[in-house]
Amino acid sequence: KTHTSLGKEILKGSTSPYLQMGADIALHHHECWDGSGYPNGLKGEDIPLPARIMAVCDVYDALRSRRPYKPALTHAAALDVMHKGDARTDPDQFDPNVLAAMFAAADQFEEIYRKSQPA
């Protein structure tokens, strides 16, 4: 759970608005809409919008990616988990507007993910 604070430390202090936003994303991308996240337990709109967007993208990527402890999910299965939840993911952890936007752009998520994978 320290990677959020470490990421902010790496990016802080820049005059670049992009790196300043990156520092906020690094620190807050594991905060949850329902307040159950970390590192600060922020809730709802107290979480910076870029971090709320990254939270959805990060979980989608984690579900789609193979890990030593789990196989990769298909696009449809990842969407199903994000919509219904499972033992690790609950849709209440996401900003409902950001999650709805992700579902509306689901085809683009699938295309971007597919293009990012090695051939």
N, C-alpha and C. Protein backbone atom coordinates (compact mmCIF):
# COMPACT_ATOMS: atom_id res chain seq x y z
N LYS A 1 0.80 -1.20 0.00
CA LYS A 1 0.00 0.00 0.00
C LYS A 1 0.85 1.26 0.00
N THR A 2 2.15 1.13 0.08
CA THR A 2 3.00 2.33 0.10
C THR A 2 3.27 2.88 -1.29
N HIS A 3 2.94 2.12 -2.35
CA HIS A 3 3.28 2.59 -3.69
C HIS A 3 2.56 3.89 -4.04
N THR A 4 1.41 4.17 -3.42
CA THR A 4 0.71 5.41 -3.70
C THR A 4 1.52 6.61 -3.20
N SER A 5 2.00 6.53 -1.99
CA SER A 5 2.80 7.63 -1.41
C SER A 5 4.16 7.74 -2.09
N LEU A 6 4.76 6.60 -2.40
CA LEU A 6 6.05 6.63 -3.09
C LEU A 6 5.92 7.27 -4.47
N GLY A 7 4.84 6.94 -5.19
CA GLY A 7 4.60 7.54 -6.50
C GLY A 7 4.46 9.04 -6.41
N LYS A 8 3.72 9.51 -5.41
CA LYS A 8 3.57 10.96 -5.24
C LYS A 8 4.93 11.59 -4.94
N GLU A 9 5.72 10.96 -4.08
CA GLU A 9 7.03 11.52 -3.73
C GLU A 9 7.92 11.67 -4.97
N ILE A 10 7.85 10.71 -5.87
CA ILE A 10 8.66 10.76 -7.08
C ILE A 10 8.23 11.93 -7.97
N LEU A 11 6.94 12.19 -8.04
CA LEU A 11 6.40 13.19 -8.98
C LEU A 11 6.21 14.58 -8.38
N LYS A 12 6.23 14.71 -7.07
CA LYS A 12 5.92 15.99 -6.45
C LYS A 12 7.00 17.03 -6.76
N GLY A 13 6.60 18.28 -6.64
CA GLY A 13 7.56 19.36 -6.79
C GLY A 13 7.76 19.86 -8.20
N SER A 14 7.18 19.22 -9.17
CA SER A 14 7.34 19.66 -10.55
C SER A 14 6.45 20.87 -10.80
N THR A 15 6.87 21.72 -11.71
CA THR A 15 6.03 22.84 -12.14
C THR A 15 5.11 22.42 -13.28
N SER A 16 5.33 21.24 -13.83
CA SER A 16 4.49 20.74 -14.92
C SER A 16 3.10 20.39 -14.39
N PRO A 17 2.05 20.95 -14.98
CA PRO A 17 0.71 20.58 -14.53
C PRO A 17 0.41 19.10 -14.76
N TYR A 18 1.06 18.50 -15.76
CA TYR A 18 0.85 17.08 -16.03
C TYR A 18 1.46 16.22 -14.93
N LEU A 19 2.66 16.58 -14.49
CA LEU A 19 3.29 15.82 -13.42
C LEU A 19 2.61 16.09 -12.08
N GLN A 20 2.07 17.29 -11.89
CA GLN A 20 1.29 17.57 -10.68
C GLN A 20 0.04 16.70 -10.65
N MET A 21 -0.63 16.58 -11.81
CA MET A 21 -1.80 15.70 -11.89
C MET A 21 -1.36 14.25 -11.68
N GLY A 22 -0.23 13.87 -12.24
CA GLY A 22 0.29 12.51 -12.05
C GLY A 22 0.56 12.21 -10.59
N ALA A 23 1.03 13.19 -9.84
CA ALA A 23 1.27 13.00 -8.41
C ALA A 23 -0.05 12.76 -7.68
N ASP A 24 -1.10 13.52 -8.04
CA ASP A 24 -2.42 13.30 -7.44
C ASP A 24 -2.97 11.92 -7.79
N ILE A 25 -2.78 11.52 -9.06
CA ILE A 25 -3.24 10.20 -9.48
C ILE A 25 -2.50 9.11 -8.70
N ALA A 26 -1.17 9.24 -8.64
CA ALA A 26 -0.37 8.24 -7.92
C ALA A 26 -0.85 8.09 -6.48
N LEU A 27 -1.08 9.22 -5.81
CA LEU A 27 -1.46 9.17 -4.41
C LEU A 27 -2.87 8.64 -4.20
N HIS A 28 -3.81 8.98 -5.09
CA HIS A 28 -5.22 8.74 -4.79
C HIS A 28 -5.91 7.67 -5.65
N HIS A 29 -5.19 6.97 -6.52
CA HIS A 29 -5.88 6.04 -7.42
C HIS A 29 -6.44 4.80 -6.72
N HIS A 30 -6.11 4.59 -5.46
CA HIS A 30 -6.72 3.49 -4.69
C HIS A 30 -7.72 3.98 -3.65
N GLU A 31 -8.07 5.26 -3.71
CA GLU A 31 -9.17 5.75 -2.89
C GLU A 31 -10.46 5.24 -3.54
N CYS A 32 -11.48 4.99 -2.75
CA CYS A 32 -12.73 4.43 -3.26
C CYS A 32 -13.88 5.40 -3.03
N TRP A 33 -14.77 5.45 -4.00
CA TRP A 33 -15.93 6.32 -3.95
C TRP A 33 -16.68 6.17 -2.63
N ASP A 34 -16.73 4.94 -2.10
CA ASP A 34 -17.46 4.68 -0.86
C ASP A 34 -16.62 4.95 0.40
N GLY A 35 -15.40 5.43 0.23
CA GLY A 35 -14.54 5.78 1.36
C GLY A 35 -13.71 4.64 1.90
N SER A 36 -13.76 3.48 1.28
CA SER A 36 -13.07 2.30 1.80
C SER A 36 -11.63 2.16 1.30
N GLY A 37 -11.15 3.11 0.52
CA GLY A 37 -9.82 2.98 -0.08
C GLY A 37 -8.70 3.52 0.78
N TYR A 38 -7.54 3.66 0.15
CA TYR A 38 -6.34 4.16 0.84
C TYR A 38 -5.57 5.06 -0.11
N PRO A 39 -4.69 5.92 0.39
CA PRO A 39 -4.11 5.96 1.72
C PRO A 39 -4.86 6.85 2.71
N ASN A 40 -5.77 7.69 2.25
CA ASN A 40 -6.40 8.67 3.14
C ASN A 40 -7.87 8.42 3.42
N GLY A 41 -8.46 7.37 2.84
CA GLY A 41 -9.87 7.10 3.05
C GLY A 41 -10.78 8.18 2.51
N LEU A 42 -10.33 8.85 1.44
CA LEU A 42 -11.17 9.88 0.83
C LEU A 42 -12.42 9.24 0.26
N LYS A 43 -13.47 10.05 0.12
CA LYS A 43 -14.76 9.54 -0.32
C LYS A 43 -15.36 10.49 -1.35
N GLY A 44 -16.05 9.91 -2.33
CA GLY A 44 -16.80 10.69 -3.29
C GLY A 44 -15.97 11.73 -4.01
N GLU A 45 -16.52 12.92 -4.15
CA GLU A 45 -15.86 13.97 -4.91
C GLU A 45 -14.65 14.57 -4.20
N ASP A 46 -14.35 14.12 -2.99
CA ASP A 46 -13.10 14.53 -2.35
C ASP A 46 -11.90 13.90 -3.04
N ILE A 47 -12.13 12.82 -3.77
CA ILE A 47 -11.07 12.17 -4.56
C ILE A 47 -10.90 12.98 -5.85
N PRO A 48 -9.68 13.38 -6.19
CA PRO A 48 -9.50 14.12 -7.44
C PRO A 48 -10.02 13.33 -8.65
N LEU A 49 -10.69 14.02 -9.56
CA LEU A 49 -11.29 13.36 -10.72
C LEU A 49 -10.27 12.52 -11.51
N PRO A 50 -9.06 13.02 -11.79
CA PRO A 50 -8.13 12.16 -12.53
C PRO A 50 -7.85 10.83 -11.82
N ALA A 51 -7.81 10.84 -10.49
CA ALA A 51 -7.60 9.60 -9.75
C ALA A 51 -8.81 8.69 -9.83
N ARG A 52 -10.01 9.27 -9.86
CA ARG A 52 -11.22 8.45 -10.01
C ARG A 52 -11.24 7.77 -11.38
N ILE A 53 -10.79 8.48 -12.39
CA ILE A 53 -10.71 7.91 -13.74
C ILE A 53 -9.67 6.79 -13.76
N MET A 54 -8.51 7.07 -13.17
CA MET A 54 -7.44 6.06 -13.16
C MET A 54 -7.86 4.83 -12.37
N ALA A 55 -8.65 4.99 -11.32
CA ALA A 55 -9.09 3.83 -10.53
C ALA A 55 -9.85 2.85 -11.41
N VAL A 56 -10.73 3.35 -12.26
CA VAL A 56 -11.49 2.48 -13.17
C VAL A 56 -10.54 1.82 -14.18
N CYS A 57 -9.65 2.61 -14.76
CA CYS A 57 -8.71 2.06 -15.75
C CYS A 57 -7.78 1.03 -15.12
N ASP A 58 -7.31 1.31 -13.91
CA ASP A 58 -6.39 0.41 -13.23
C ASP A 58 -7.03 -0.94 -12.93
N VAL A 59 -8.27 -0.93 -12.48
CA VAL A 59 -8.96 -2.19 -12.18
C VAL A 59 -9.24 -2.95 -13.47
N TYR A 60 -9.68 -2.25 -14.52
CA TYR A 60 -9.90 -2.93 -15.81
C TYR A 60 -8.61 -3.61 -16.26
N ASP A 61 -7.51 -2.88 -16.22
CA ASP A 61 -6.23 -3.45 -16.64
C ASP A 61 -5.83 -4.64 -15.76
N ALA A 62 -6.03 -4.52 -14.45
CA ALA A 62 -5.68 -5.63 -13.55
C ALA A 62 -6.52 -6.87 -13.84
N LEU A 63 -7.79 -6.67 -14.12
CA LEU A 63 -8.65 -7.81 -14.44
C LEU A 63 -8.25 -8.47 -15.76
N ARG A 64 -7.90 -7.65 -16.73
CA ARG A 64 -7.54 -8.17 -18.06
C ARG A 64 -6.16 -8.83 -18.10
N SER A 65 -5.29 -8.45 -17.17
CA SER A 65 -3.90 -8.91 -17.20
C SER A 65 -3.69 -10.19 -16.40
N ARG A 66 -2.87 -11.08 -16.95
CA ARG A 66 -2.47 -12.28 -16.24
C ARG A 66 -1.52 -11.87 -15.12
N ARG A 67 -1.70 -12.47 -13.98
CA ARG A 67 -0.83 -12.25 -12.83
C ARG A 67 -0.38 -13.63 -12.35
N PRO A 68 0.69 -13.71 -11.56
CA PRO A 68 1.14 -15.01 -11.08
C PRO A 68 0.04 -15.76 -10.31
N TYR A 69 -0.88 -15.03 -9.72
CA TYR A 69 -1.91 -15.63 -8.89
C TYR A 69 -3.27 -15.76 -9.58
N LYS A 70 -3.37 -15.32 -10.86
CA LYS A 70 -4.66 -15.41 -11.55
C LYS A 70 -4.48 -15.32 -13.06
N PRO A 71 -5.40 -15.94 -13.79
CA PRO A 71 -5.37 -15.80 -15.25
C PRO A 71 -5.97 -14.45 -15.67
N ALA A 72 -5.69 -14.06 -16.90
CA ALA A 72 -6.30 -12.85 -17.46
C ALA A 72 -7.77 -13.12 -17.75
N LEU A 73 -8.61 -12.12 -17.54
CA LEU A 73 -10.03 -12.23 -17.90
C LEU A 73 -10.25 -11.68 -19.30
N THR A 74 -11.28 -12.15 -19.95
CA THR A 74 -11.68 -11.57 -21.22
C THR A 74 -12.27 -10.18 -20.97
N HIS A 75 -12.45 -9.42 -22.03
CA HIS A 75 -13.07 -8.11 -21.92
C HIS A 75 -14.46 -8.22 -21.30
N ALA A 76 -15.26 -9.14 -21.81
CA ALA A 76 -16.63 -9.31 -21.30
C ALA A 76 -16.63 -9.70 -19.82
N ALA A 77 -15.73 -10.58 -19.43
CA ALA A 77 -15.69 -11.01 -18.03
C ALA A 77 -15.23 -9.86 -17.13
N ALA A 78 -14.27 -9.07 -17.59
CA ALA A 78 -13.81 -7.92 -16.81
C ALA A 78 -14.94 -6.91 -16.61
N LEU A 79 -15.69 -6.64 -17.67
CA LEU A 79 -16.83 -5.73 -17.56
C LEU A 79 -17.86 -6.27 -16.59
N ASP A 80 -18.10 -7.58 -16.63
CA ASP A 80 -19.07 -8.20 -15.74
C ASP A 80 -18.65 -8.04 -14.28
N VAL A 81 -17.37 -8.26 -13.99
CA VAL A 81 -16.87 -8.09 -12.63
C VAL A 81 -17.02 -6.64 -12.19
N MET A 82 -16.69 -5.70 -13.07
CA MET A 82 -16.79 -4.29 -12.69
C MET A 82 -18.24 -3.86 -12.52
N HIS A 83 -19.14 -4.50 -13.22
CA HIS A 83 -20.56 -4.17 -13.11
C HIS A 83 -21.20 -4.80 -11.88
N LYS A 84 -20.89 -6.07 -11.62
CA LYS A 84 -21.55 -6.82 -10.54
C LYS A 84 -20.70 -6.95 -9.28
N GLY A 85 -19.38 -6.88 -9.44
CA GLY A 85 -18.48 -7.08 -8.33
C GLY A 85 -18.10 -8.54 -8.17
N ASP A 86 -17.10 -8.77 -7.36
CA ASP A 86 -16.66 -10.12 -6.99
C ASP A 86 -15.94 -10.01 -5.65
N ALA A 87 -15.16 -11.00 -5.29
CA ALA A 87 -14.49 -11.00 -3.99
C ALA A 87 -13.49 -9.86 -3.85
N ARG A 88 -12.97 -9.33 -4.97
CA ARG A 88 -11.96 -8.27 -4.91
C ARG A 88 -12.48 -6.90 -5.29
N THR A 89 -13.51 -6.85 -6.11
CA THR A 89 -13.96 -5.60 -6.71
C THR A 89 -15.44 -5.40 -6.44
N ASP A 90 -15.79 -4.17 -6.07
CA ASP A 90 -17.18 -3.81 -5.83
C ASP A 90 -17.47 -2.55 -6.64
N PRO A 91 -18.54 -2.54 -7.42
CA PRO A 91 -18.82 -1.34 -8.21
C PRO A 91 -19.00 -0.08 -7.36
N ASP A 92 -19.33 -0.23 -6.09
CA ASP A 92 -19.49 0.93 -5.21
C ASP A 92 -18.17 1.64 -4.92
N GLN A 93 -17.05 1.00 -5.26
CA GLN A 93 -15.77 1.65 -5.02
C GLN A 93 -15.46 2.70 -6.10
N PHE A 94 -16.22 2.71 -7.19
CA PHE A 94 -15.97 3.62 -8.30
C PHE A 94 -16.96 4.77 -8.32
N ASP A 95 -16.50 5.91 -8.82
CA ASP A 95 -17.40 7.03 -9.10
C ASP A 95 -18.43 6.52 -10.10
N PRO A 96 -19.72 6.57 -9.79
CA PRO A 96 -20.71 5.99 -10.70
C PRO A 96 -20.73 6.66 -12.07
N ASN A 97 -20.43 7.94 -12.15
CA ASN A 97 -20.39 8.61 -13.45
C ASN A 97 -19.19 8.16 -14.28
N VAL A 98 -18.06 7.99 -13.63
CA VAL A 98 -16.86 7.51 -14.34
C VAL A 98 -17.07 6.07 -14.79
N LEU A 99 -17.65 5.24 -13.93
CA LEU A 99 -17.91 3.85 -14.31
C LEU A 99 -18.89 3.79 -15.48
N ALA A 100 -19.93 4.62 -15.46
CA ALA A 100 -20.89 4.66 -16.57
C ALA A 100 -20.21 5.10 -17.86
N ALA A 101 -19.31 6.06 -17.76
CA ALA A 101 -18.57 6.51 -18.95
C ALA A 101 -17.69 5.39 -19.49
N MET A 102 -17.10 4.61 -18.59
CA MET A 102 -16.28 3.47 -19.03
C MET A 102 -17.14 2.44 -19.76
N PHE A 103 -18.31 2.13 -19.22
CA PHE A 103 -19.18 1.17 -19.89
C PHE A 103 -19.64 1.71 -21.24
N ALA A 104 -19.89 3.01 -21.32
CA ALA A 104 -20.31 3.62 -22.60
C ALA A 104 -19.19 3.55 -23.63
N ALA A 105 -17.94 3.55 -23.16
CA ALA A 105 -16.78 3.50 -24.05
C ALA A 105 -16.11 2.12 -24.02
N ALA A 106 -16.85 1.10 -23.64
CA ALA A 106 -16.26 -0.23 -23.45
C ALA A 106 -15.56 -0.75 -24.70
N ASP A 107 -16.12 -0.49 -25.86
CA ASP A 107 -15.48 -0.96 -27.09
C ASP A 107 -14.10 -0.33 -27.27
N GLN A 108 -13.99 0.95 -26.93
CA GLN A 108 -12.69 1.62 -27.03
C GLN A 108 -11.71 1.07 -26.00
N PHE A 109 -12.19 0.74 -24.79
CA PHE A 109 -11.31 0.13 -23.80
C PHE A 109 -10.75 -1.18 -24.34
N GLU A 110 -11.62 -1.99 -24.93
CA GLU A 110 -11.17 -3.27 -25.47
C GLU A 110 -10.13 -3.06 -26.58
N GLU A 111 -10.38 -2.11 -27.45
CA GLU A 111 -9.46 -1.84 -28.56
C GLU A 111 -8.11 -1.34 -28.05
N ILE A 112 -8.13 -0.41 -27.12
CA ILE A 112 -6.88 0.12 -26.57
C ILE A 112 -6.10 -0.99 -25.87
N TYR A 113 -6.80 -1.80 -25.10
CA TYR A 113 -6.12 -2.90 -24.41
C TYR A 113 -5.51 -3.86 -25.43
N ARG A 114 -6.28 -4.22 -26.43
CA ARG A 114 -5.79 -5.16 -27.45
C ARG A 114 -4.54 -4.60 -28.14
N LYS A 115 -4.56 -3.33 -28.50
CA LYS A 115 -3.42 -2.72 -29.19
C LYS A 115 -2.18 -2.60 -28.29
N SER A 116 -2.40 -2.56 -26.98
CA SER A 116 -1.27 -2.39 -26.07
C SER A 116 -0.55 -3.70 -25.77
N GLN A 117 -1.12 -4.81 -26.19
CA GLN A 117 -0.53 -6.11 -25.90
C GLN A 117 0.53 -6.47 -26.93
N PRO A 118 1.57 -7.16 -26.49
CA PRO A 118 2.61 -7.58 -27.44
C PRO A 118 2.02 -8.52 -28.49
N ALA A 119 2.57 -8.44 -29.67
CA ALA A 119 2.09 -9.29 -30.78
C ALA A 119 2.48 -10.72 -30.61
